[in-house]
Amino acid sequence: MVEWAIEVNDLTVAYRQKPVLWDIDLFAPPGILMAVVGPNGAGKSTLIKSILGLIKPVAGQVTIFNKPYEEQRRLVGYVPQRGSVDWDFPTTALDVVMMGLYGSLGWFKRPGKKERLAAMESLEKVAMQDFAQRQINHLSGGQQQRIFLARALAQNASIYFMDEPFQGVDAKTERAIIAILKELRAQGKTVLAVHHDLQTVPEYFDWVMLLNIRRIASGPVSEVFTEENLRRAYGGYVPFIKNAGCEAKE
């Protein structure tokens, strides 16, 4: 039996009886960076949330390393969209990162010196250790994204789901984030990220899934990130295409 890091079969999600995702299959091997791309309204964020049980699907199964997600939750880290978070909540960057440790610590045990050290190490990995005591609403968008990435890193997960990790960040932060993701891959971790910049898919990712309510194509970037598949995913219009077989086009 093949041990997929992430396996999704026949996943269907509907809002008010209207399909948002339809009969989705997804397979991701261990130790890769995988992008999920598609037009607005394609169901990319919904895919991640339904895999994580944050949205209840109409049908479908999700397994992590050949076991139901519910049994493997401790192996999974999640970085949500920055825009979905209440950044006015009165808490510090360090507290946000330590929240990522509650899964292993338990909600009724207070974090101690060990957890604080782990949180600080995660902040150092994203170059935010000097902002540990800063209120999160006083951070820039890029800094807030780094804090959420640090929270996920503190979990020491095997698989990371990230919803638009590069959204609203500057070029320096984007380079820092992709460097961390490649380091995770070198450690054998798997990352599945919703991504919107088609130009950087071949540079940043190993595998890609093209999605538009249905799965258009999924697999290694060199095989499925083609002009034909992109046009199918984007309804015939692709604002930018760049891969081994195509020239950039407007």
C-alpha atoms as a PDB file:
ATOM      1  CA  MET A   1       0.000   0.000   0.000  1.00  0.00           C
ATOM      2  CA  VAL A   2       1.274   3.445  -0.952  1.00  0.00           C
ATOM      3  CA  GLU A   3       1.594   5.700   2.088  1.00  0.00           C
ATOM      4  CA  TRP A   4       0.382   9.099   0.990  1.00  0.00           C
ATOM      5  CA  ALA A   5       0.981  11.952   3.411  1.00  0.00           C
ATOM      6  CA  ILE A   6      -2.410  13.360   2.398  1.00  0.00           C
ATOM      7  CA  GLU A   7      -5.147  11.370   0.679  1.00  0.00           C
ATOM      8  CA  VAL A   8      -8.562  12.801  -0.174  1.00  0.00           C
ATOM      9  CA  ASN A   9     -11.222  10.732  -1.906  1.00  0.00           C
ATOM     10  CA  ASP A  10     -14.542  11.833  -3.420  1.00  0.00           C
ATOM     11  CA  LEU A  11     -14.715  15.048  -1.383  1.00  0.00           C
ATOM     12  CA  THR A  12     -17.848  17.109  -2.050  1.00  0.00           C
ATOM     13  CA  VAL A  13     -18.796  20.328  -0.252  1.00  0.00           C
ATOM     14  CA  ALA A  14     -21.966  22.329  -0.817  1.00  0.00           C
ATOM     15  CA  TYR A  15     -23.363  25.599   0.505  1.00  0.00           C
ATOM     16  CA  ARG A  16     -27.158  25.773   0.423  1.00  0.00           C
ATOM     17  CA  GLN A  17     -27.195  22.798  -1.951  1.00  0.00           C
ATOM     18  CA  LYS A  18     -24.820  24.507  -4.382  1.00  0.00           C
ATOM     19  CA  PRO A  19     -21.599  22.501  -4.908  1.00  0.00           C
ATOM     20  CA  VAL A  20     -18.459  24.382  -3.942  1.00  0.00           C
ATOM     21  CA  LEU A  21     -16.210  21.347  -4.361  1.00  0.00           C
ATOM     22  CA  TRP A  22     -17.295  18.389  -6.410  1.00  0.00           C
ATOM     23  CA  ASP A  23     -15.932  14.845  -6.147  1.00  0.00           C
ATOM     24  CA  ILE A  24     -12.344  15.875  -5.354  1.00  0.00           C
ATOM     25  CA  ASP A  25      -9.482  13.370  -5.215  1.00  0.00           C
ATOM     26  CA  LEU A  26      -6.094  14.548  -3.977  1.00  0.00           C
ATOM     27  CA  PHE A  27      -2.915  12.614  -3.251  1.00  0.00           C
ATOM     28  CA  ALA A  28       0.293  14.109  -1.846  1.00  0.00           C
ATOM     29  CA  PRO A  29       3.410  12.081  -1.040  1.00  0.00           C
ATOM     30  CA  PRO A  30       5.607  12.867   1.961  1.00  0.00           C
ATOM     31  CA  GLY A  31       8.332  15.490   1.696  1.00  0.00           C
ATOM     32  CA  ILE A  32       6.948  17.808  -0.997  1.00  0.00           C
ATOM     33  CA  LEU A  33       5.759  21.393  -1.363  1.00  0.00           C
ATOM     34  CA  MET A  34       2.370  21.331  -3.097  1.00  0.00           C
ATOM     35  CA  ALA A  35       0.391  24.324  -4.358  1.00  0.00           C
ATOM     36  CA  VAL A  36      -3.361  24.519  -4.854  1.00  0.00           C
ATOM     37  CA  VAL A  37      -4.155  27.061  -7.558  1.00  0.00           C
ATOM     38  CA  GLY A  38      -7.280  28.158  -9.374  1.00  0.00           C
ATOM     39  CA  PRO A  39      -9.485  31.199 -10.030  1.00  0.00           C
ATOM     40  CA  ASN A  40     -11.414  33.100  -7.372  1.00  0.00           C
ATOM     41  CA  GLY A  41     -14.332  31.011  -6.157  1.00  0.00           C
ATOM     42  CA  ALA A  42     -12.669  27.745  -7.171  1.00  0.00           C
ATOM     43  CA  GLY A  43     -12.923  26.336  -3.632  1.00  0.00           C
ATOM     44  CA  LYS A  44      -9.238  26.461  -2.676  1.00  0.00           C
ATOM     45  CA  SER A  45      -9.693  27.638   0.920  1.00  0.00           C
ATOM     46  CA  THR A  46     -12.750  25.435   1.279  1.00  0.00           C
ATOM     47  CA  LEU A  47     -10.627  22.443   0.296  1.00  0.00           C
ATOM     48  CA  ILE A  48      -8.167  23.029   3.136  1.00  0.00           C
ATOM     49  CA  LYS A  49     -10.897  23.768   5.681  1.00  0.00           C
ATOM     50  CA  SER A  50     -12.855  20.648   4.756  1.00  0.00           C
ATOM     51  CA  ILE A  51      -9.726  18.475   4.969  1.00  0.00           C
ATOM     52  CA  LEU A  52      -9.154  19.864   8.477  1.00  0.00           C
ATOM     53  CA  GLY A  53     -12.760  19.316   9.521  1.00  0.00           C
ATOM     54  CA  LEU A  54     -13.473  23.046   9.838  1.00  0.00           C
ATOM     55  CA  ILE A  55     -16.179  22.667   7.178  1.00  0.00           C
ATOM     56  CA  LYS A  56     -18.322  19.542   7.094  1.00  0.00           C
ATOM     57  CA  PRO A  57     -18.345  17.950   3.627  1.00  0.00           C
ATOM     58  CA  VAL A  58     -21.387  16.335   2.066  1.00  0.00           C
ATOM     59  CA  ALA A  59     -19.287  13.311   1.165  1.00  0.00           C
ATOM     60  CA  GLY A  60     -15.703  12.132   1.050  1.00  0.00           C
ATOM     61  CA  GLN A  61     -12.875  10.733   3.148  1.00  0.00           C
ATOM     62  CA  VAL A  62      -9.591  12.251   4.302  1.00  0.00           C
ATOM     63  CA  THR A  63      -6.633  10.217   5.525  1.00  0.00           C
ATOM     64  CA  ILE A  64      -3.241  11.306   6.842  1.00  0.00           C
ATOM     65  CA  PHE A  65      -0.564   8.640   6.466  1.00  0.00           C
ATOM     66  CA  ASN A  66      -3.284   6.030   5.789  1.00  0.00           C
ATOM     67  CA  LYS A  67      -5.287   6.815   8.929  1.00  0.00           C
ATOM     68  CA  PRO A  68      -8.369   9.019   9.406  1.00  0.00           C
ATOM     69  CA  TYR A  69      -7.536  12.669   9.974  1.00  0.00           C
ATOM     70  CA  GLU A  70      -9.181  12.591  13.407  1.00  0.00           C
ATOM     71  CA  GLU A  71      -6.583  10.054  14.561  1.00  0.00           C
ATOM     72  CA  GLN A  72      -3.662  12.029  13.095  1.00  0.00           C
ATOM     73  CA  ARG A  73      -4.608  15.567  14.067  1.00  0.00           C
ATOM     74  CA  ARG A  74      -1.440  15.971  16.162  1.00  0.00           C
ATOM     75  CA  LEU A  75       0.661  15.533  12.995  1.00  0.00           C
ATOM     76  CA  VAL A  76      -0.952  18.512  11.273  1.00  0.00           C
ATOM     77  CA  GLY A  77      -0.184  22.252  11.466  1.00  0.00           C
ATOM     78  CA  TYR A  78      -2.381  24.974   9.964  1.00  0.00           C
ATOM     79  CA  VAL A  79      -1.703  28.548   8.849  1.00  0.00           C
ATOM     80  CA  PRO A  80      -5.048  30.247   8.067  1.00  0.00           C
ATOM     81  CA  GLN A  81      -5.569  33.287   5.888  1.00  0.00           C
ATOM     82  CA  ARG A  82      -4.357  36.377   7.697  1.00  0.00           C
ATOM     83  CA  GLY A  83      -7.574  38.187   6.815  1.00  0.00           C
ATOM     84  CA  SER A  84      -9.655  35.632   8.720  1.00  0.00           C
ATOM     85  CA  VAL A  85      -8.056  36.500  12.080  1.00  0.00           C
ATOM     86  CA  ASP A  86      -9.117  39.170  14.595  1.00  0.00           C
ATOM     87  CA  TRP A  87      -5.814  41.000  14.942  1.00  0.00           C
ATOM     88  CA  ASP A  88      -7.299  43.433  17.477  1.00  0.00           C
ATOM     89  CA  PHE A  89      -7.474  40.663  20.065  1.00  0.00           C
ATOM     90  CA  PRO A  90      -5.240  41.805  22.986  1.00  0.00           C
ATOM     91  CA  THR A  91      -2.388  39.316  22.969  1.00  0.00           C
ATOM     92  CA  THR A  92       1.325  39.241  22.230  1.00  0.00           C
ATOM     93  CA  ALA A  93       3.222  37.546  19.424  1.00  0.00           C
ATOM     94  CA  LEU A  94       4.704  35.049  21.892  1.00  0.00           C
ATOM     95  CA  ASP A  95       1.258  34.130  23.231  1.00  0.00           C
ATOM     96  CA  VAL A  96      -0.018  33.494  19.698  1.00  0.00           C
ATOM     97  CA  VAL A  97       2.872  31.134  19.012  1.00  0.00           C
ATOM     98  CA  MET A  98       2.371  29.280  22.299  1.00  0.00           C
ATOM     99  CA  MET A  99      -1.254  28.685  21.315  1.00  0.00           C
ATOM    100  CA  GLY A 100       0.129  26.275  18.731  1.00  0.00           C
ATOM    101  CA  LEU A 101       1.366  24.067  21.572  1.00  0.00           C
ATOM    102  CA  TYR A 102      -1.989  23.500  23.250  1.00  0.00           C
ATOM    103  CA  GLY A 103      -2.695  20.456  21.086  1.00  0.00           C
ATOM    104  CA  SER A 104       0.130  18.536  22.745  1.00  0.00           C
ATOM    105  CA  LEU A 105      -0.068  20.329  26.089  1.00  0.00           C
ATOM    106  CA  GLY A 106      -3.815  20.105  26.680  1.00  0.00           C
ATOM    107  CA  TRP A 107      -6.126  23.036  27.295  1.00  0.00           C
ATOM    108  CA  PHE A 108      -6.065  22.784  31.103  1.00  0.00           C
ATOM    109  CA  LYS A 109      -2.290  22.738  31.602  1.00  0.00           C
ATOM    110  CA  ARG A 110      -0.536  26.072  31.563  1.00  0.00           C
ATOM    111  CA  PRO A 111       2.524  26.380  29.307  1.00  0.00           C
ATOM    112  CA  GLY A 112       5.801  26.416  31.208  1.00  0.00           C
ATOM    113  CA  LYS A 113       9.454  27.129  30.563  1.00  0.00           C
ATOM    114  CA  LYS A 114       9.754  24.301  28.009  1.00  0.00           C
ATOM    115  CA  GLU A 115       6.845  25.605  25.923  1.00  0.00           C
ATOM    116  CA  ARG A 116       8.063  29.189  26.154  1.00  0.00           C
ATOM    117  CA  LEU A 117      11.493  28.104  24.916  1.00  0.00           C
ATOM    118  CA  ALA A 118       9.937  26.178  22.006  1.00  0.00           C
ATOM    119  CA  ALA A 119       7.854  29.231  21.085  1.00  0.00           C
ATOM    120  CA  MET A 120      10.894  31.513  21.175  1.00  0.00           C
ATOM    121  CA  GLU A 121      12.832  29.093  18.966  1.00  0.00           C
ATOM    122  CA  SER A 122       9.996  29.211  16.440  1.00  0.00           C
ATOM    123  CA  LEU A 123      10.013  33.004  16.527  1.00  0.00           C
ATOM    124  CA  GLU A 124      13.745  32.958  15.864  1.00  0.00           C
ATOM    125  CA  LYS A 125      13.197  30.756  12.802  1.00  0.00           C
ATOM    126  CA  VAL A 126      11.007  33.466  11.286  1.00  0.00           C
ATOM    127  CA  ALA A 127      13.256  36.322  12.547  1.00  0.00           C
ATOM    128  CA  MET A 128      10.589  37.653  14.918  1.00  0.00           C
ATOM    129  CA  GLN A 129      12.211  36.996  18.298  1.00  0.00           C
ATOM    130  CA  ASP A 130      12.611  40.737  18.936  1.00  0.00           C
ATOM    131  CA  PHE A 131       8.835  41.150  18.632  1.00  0.00           C
ATOM    132  CA  ALA A 132       7.872  38.453  21.156  1.00  0.00           C
ATOM    133  CA  GLN A 133       6.207  40.904  23.568  1.00  0.00           C
ATOM    134  CA  ARG A 134       4.705  43.122  20.876  1.00  0.00           C
ATOM    135  CA  GLN A 135       0.910  43.280  20.675  1.00  0.00           C
ATOM    136  CA  ILE A 136      -0.194  41.584  17.458  1.00  0.00           C
ATOM    137  CA  ASN A 137      -2.270  44.563  16.327  1.00  0.00           C
ATOM    138  CA  HIS A 138       0.947  46.637  16.285  1.00  0.00           C
ATOM    139  CA  LEU A 139       2.591  44.335  13.735  1.00  0.00           C
ATOM    140  CA  SER A 140       2.670  44.824   9.976  1.00  0.00           C
ATOM    141  CA  GLY A 141       0.895  42.382   7.672  1.00  0.00           C
ATOM    142  CA  GLY A 142       4.131  40.604   6.848  1.00  0.00           C
ATOM    143  CA  GLN A 143       5.070  40.364  10.521  1.00  0.00           C
ATOM    144  CA  GLN A 144       1.655  38.968  11.394  1.00  0.00           C
ATOM    145  CA  GLN A 145       2.080  36.298   8.727  1.00  0.00           C
ATOM    146  CA  ARG A 146       5.463  35.348  10.169  1.00  0.00           C
ATOM    147  CA  ILE A 147       3.888  34.993  13.615  1.00  0.00           C
ATOM    148  CA  PHE A 148       1.293  32.579  12.260  1.00  0.00           C
ATOM    149  CA  LEU A 149       4.009  30.612  10.523  1.00  0.00           C
ATOM    150  CA  ALA A 150       5.951  30.471  13.804  1.00  0.00           C
ATOM    151  CA  ARG A 151       2.853  29.143  15.565  1.00  0.00           C
ATOM    152  CA  ALA A 152       2.621  26.312  13.053  1.00  0.00           C
ATOM    153  CA  LEU A 153       6.354  25.576  13.335  1.00  0.00           C
ATOM    154  CA  ALA A 154       6.041  25.324  17.125  1.00  0.00           C
ATOM    155  CA  GLN A 155       3.731  22.346  16.632  1.00  0.00           C
ATOM    156  CA  ASN A 156       6.563  20.403  14.967  1.00  0.00           C
ATOM    157  CA  ALA A 157       4.005  18.851  12.632  1.00  0.00           C
ATOM    158  CA  SER A 158       4.610  16.400   9.805  1.00  0.00           C
ATOM    159  CA  ILE A 159       2.141  18.092   7.461  1.00  0.00           C
ATOM    160  CA  TYR A 160       1.373  21.794   7.131  1.00  0.00           C
ATOM    161  CA  PHE A 161      -1.708  23.288   5.493  1.00  0.00           C
ATOM    162  CA  MET A 162      -1.301  26.963   4.591  1.00  0.00           C
ATOM    163  CA  ASP A 163      -3.974  29.238   3.172  1.00  0.00           C
ATOM    164  CA  GLU A 164      -2.343  31.964   1.059  1.00  0.00           C
ATOM    165  CA  PRO A 165       0.883  32.187   3.111  1.00  0.00           C
ATOM    166  CA  PHE A 166       2.330  34.855   0.789  1.00  0.00           C
ATOM    167  CA  GLN A 167      -0.745  37.079   0.656  1.00  0.00           C
ATOM    168  CA  GLY A 168      -0.075  40.709   1.541  1.00  0.00           C
ATOM    169  CA  VAL A 169       3.605  40.281   2.408  1.00  0.00           C
ATOM    170  CA  ASP A 170       6.591  42.138   0.990  1.00  0.00           C
ATOM    171  CA  ALA A 171       9.259  40.514  -1.180  1.00  0.00           C
ATOM    172  CA  LYS A 172      11.661  40.078   1.744  1.00  0.00           C
ATOM    173  CA  THR A 173       9.066  38.250   3.828  1.00  0.00           C
ATOM    174  CA  GLU A 174       8.050  36.096   0.874  1.00  0.00           C
ATOM    175  CA  ARG A 175      11.663  35.006   0.380  1.00  0.00           C
ATOM    176  CA  ALA A 176      11.950  34.252   4.095  1.00  0.00           C
ATOM    177  CA  ILE A 177       8.767  32.165   4.064  1.00  0.00           C
ATOM    178  CA  ILE A 178       9.736  30.097   1.032  1.00  0.00           C
ATOM    179  CA  ALA A 179      13.166  29.465   2.581  1.00  0.00           C
ATOM    180  CA  ILE A 180      11.421  28.068   5.673  1.00  0.00           C
ATOM    181  CA  LEU A 181       9.122  25.925   3.545  1.00  0.00           C
ATOM    182  CA  LYS A 182      12.080  24.469   1.665  1.00  0.00           C
ATOM    183  CA  GLU A 183      13.767  23.742   4.988  1.00  0.00           C
ATOM    184  CA  LEU A 184      10.635  21.889   6.109  1.00  0.00           C
ATOM    185  CA  ARG A 185      10.750  19.862   2.896  1.00  0.00           C
ATOM    186  CA  ALA A 186      14.408  19.008   3.545  1.00  0.00           C
ATOM    187  CA  GLN A 187      13.289  17.629   6.906  1.00  0.00           C
ATOM    188  CA  GLY A 188      10.790  15.346   5.180  1.00  0.00           C
ATOM    189  CA  LYS A 189       7.741  17.487   5.985  1.00  0.00           C
ATOM    190  CA  THR A 190       4.844  17.962   3.586  1.00  0.00           C
ATOM    191  CA  VAL A 191       3.348  21.389   2.850  1.00  0.00           C
ATOM    192  CA  LEU A 192       0.089  22.007   0.989  1.00  0.00           C
ATOM    193  CA  ALA A 193      -0.501  25.708   0.315  1.00  0.00           C
ATOM    194  CA  VAL A 194      -3.197  27.700  -1.425  1.00  0.00           C
ATOM    195  CA  HIS A 195      -1.298  29.936  -3.826  1.00  0.00           C
ATOM    196  CA  HIS A 196      -2.352  32.618  -6.299  1.00  0.00           C
ATOM    197  CA  ASP A 197       0.811  33.641  -8.157  1.00  0.00           C
ATOM    198  CA  LEU A 198       1.099  31.359 -11.185  1.00  0.00           C
ATOM    199  CA  GLN A 199       4.489  32.799 -12.092  1.00  0.00           C
ATOM    200  CA  THR A 200       6.179  31.426  -8.967  1.00  0.00           C
ATOM    201  CA  VAL A 201       4.591  27.951  -8.923  1.00  0.00           C
ATOM    202  CA  PRO A 202       7.463  26.238 -10.807  1.00  0.00           C
ATOM    203  CA  GLU A 203      10.043  28.017  -8.645  1.00  0.00           C
ATOM    204  CA  TYR A 204       8.440  27.395  -5.268  1.00  0.00           C
ATOM    205  CA  PHE A 205       6.613  24.068  -5.539  1.00  0.00           C
ATOM    206  CA  ASP A 206       7.223  20.434  -6.488  1.00  0.00           C
ATOM    207  CA  TRP A 207       3.588  19.393  -6.982  1.00  0.00           C
ATOM    208  CA  VAL A 208       0.504  21.351  -7.922  1.00  0.00           C
ATOM    209  CA  MET A 209      -3.244  20.846  -7.957  1.00  0.00           C
ATOM    210  CA  LEU A 210      -5.300  22.908 -10.400  1.00  0.00           C
ATOM    211  CA  LEU A 211      -8.795  23.385  -9.020  1.00  0.00           C
ATOM    212  CA  ASN A 212     -12.014  24.938 -10.220  1.00  0.00           C
ATOM    213  CA  ILE A 213     -14.769  23.330  -8.120  1.00  0.00           C
ATOM    214  CA  ARG A 214     -13.599  20.080  -9.710  1.00  0.00           C
ATOM    215  CA  ARG A 215     -10.039  18.843  -9.821  1.00  0.00           C
ATOM    216  CA  ILE A 216      -8.585  19.802 -13.198  1.00  0.00           C
ATOM    217  CA  ALA A 217      -5.194  18.145 -12.734  1.00  0.00           C
ATOM    218  CA  SER A 218      -2.851  17.186  -9.920  1.00  0.00           C
ATOM    219  CA  GLY A 219       0.699  15.900  -9.750  1.00  0.00           C
ATOM    220  CA  PRO A 220       4.309  16.997 -10.235  1.00  0.00           C
ATOM    221  CA  VAL A 221       4.614  20.562 -11.544  1.00  0.00           C
ATOM    222  CA  SER A 222       6.703  19.376 -14.502  1.00  0.00           C
ATOM    223  CA  GLU A 223       3.834  17.144 -15.644  1.00  0.00           C
ATOM    224  CA  VAL A 224       0.576  18.972 -14.904  1.00  0.00           C
ATOM    225  CA  PHE A 225       1.418  22.696 -14.855  1.00  0.00           C
ATOM    226  CA  THR A 226       0.774  23.057 -18.571  1.00  0.00           C
ATOM    227  CA  GLU A 227      -0.875  25.718 -20.678  1.00  0.00           C
ATOM    228  CA  GLU A 228      -3.740  23.347 -21.552  1.00  0.00           C
ATOM    229  CA  ASN A 229      -4.512  22.534 -17.902  1.00  0.00           C
ATOM    230  CA  LEU A 230      -4.218  26.176 -16.841  1.00  0.00           C
ATOM    231  CA  ARG A 231      -6.665  27.245 -19.531  1.00  0.00           C
ATOM    232  CA  ARG A 232      -9.080  24.521 -18.408  1.00  0.00           C
ATOM    233  CA  ALA A 233      -8.794  25.684 -14.801  1.00  0.00           C
ATOM    234  CA  TYR A 234      -9.190  29.383 -15.594  1.00  0.00           C
ATOM    235  CA  GLY A 235     -11.926  29.069 -18.191  1.00  0.00           C
ATOM    236  CA  GLY A 236      -9.760  29.778 -21.219  1.00  0.00           C
ATOM    237  CA  TYR A 237      -8.137  32.940 -19.878  1.00  0.00           C
ATOM    238  CA  VAL A 238      -4.844  32.771 -18.020  1.00  0.00           C
ATOM    239  CA  PRO A 239      -3.334  36.101 -16.923  1.00  0.00           C
ATOM    240  CA  PHE A 240       0.149  34.631 -16.778  1.00  0.00           C
ATOM    241  CA  ILE A 241       1.543  31.315 -17.936  1.00  0.00           C
ATOM    242  CA  LYS A 242       5.108  30.255 -17.376  1.00  0.00           C
ATOM    243  CA  ASN A 243       6.439  26.736 -17.273  1.00  0.00           C
ATOM    244  CA  ALA A 244       9.015  24.555 -18.984  1.00  0.00           C
ATOM    245  CA  GLY A 245       6.932  24.329 -22.133  1.00  0.00           C
ATOM    246  CA  CYS A 246       5.446  27.822 -22.410  1.00  0.00           C
ATOM    247  CA  GLU A 247       6.579  31.362 -22.732  1.00  0.00           C
ATOM    248  CA  ALA A 248       5.165  34.053 -20.450  1.00  0.00           C
ATOM    249  CA  LYS A 249       1.976  35.501 -21.853  1.00  0.00           C
ATOM    250  CA  GLU A 250      -0.321  38.330 -20.935  1.00  0.00           C
END
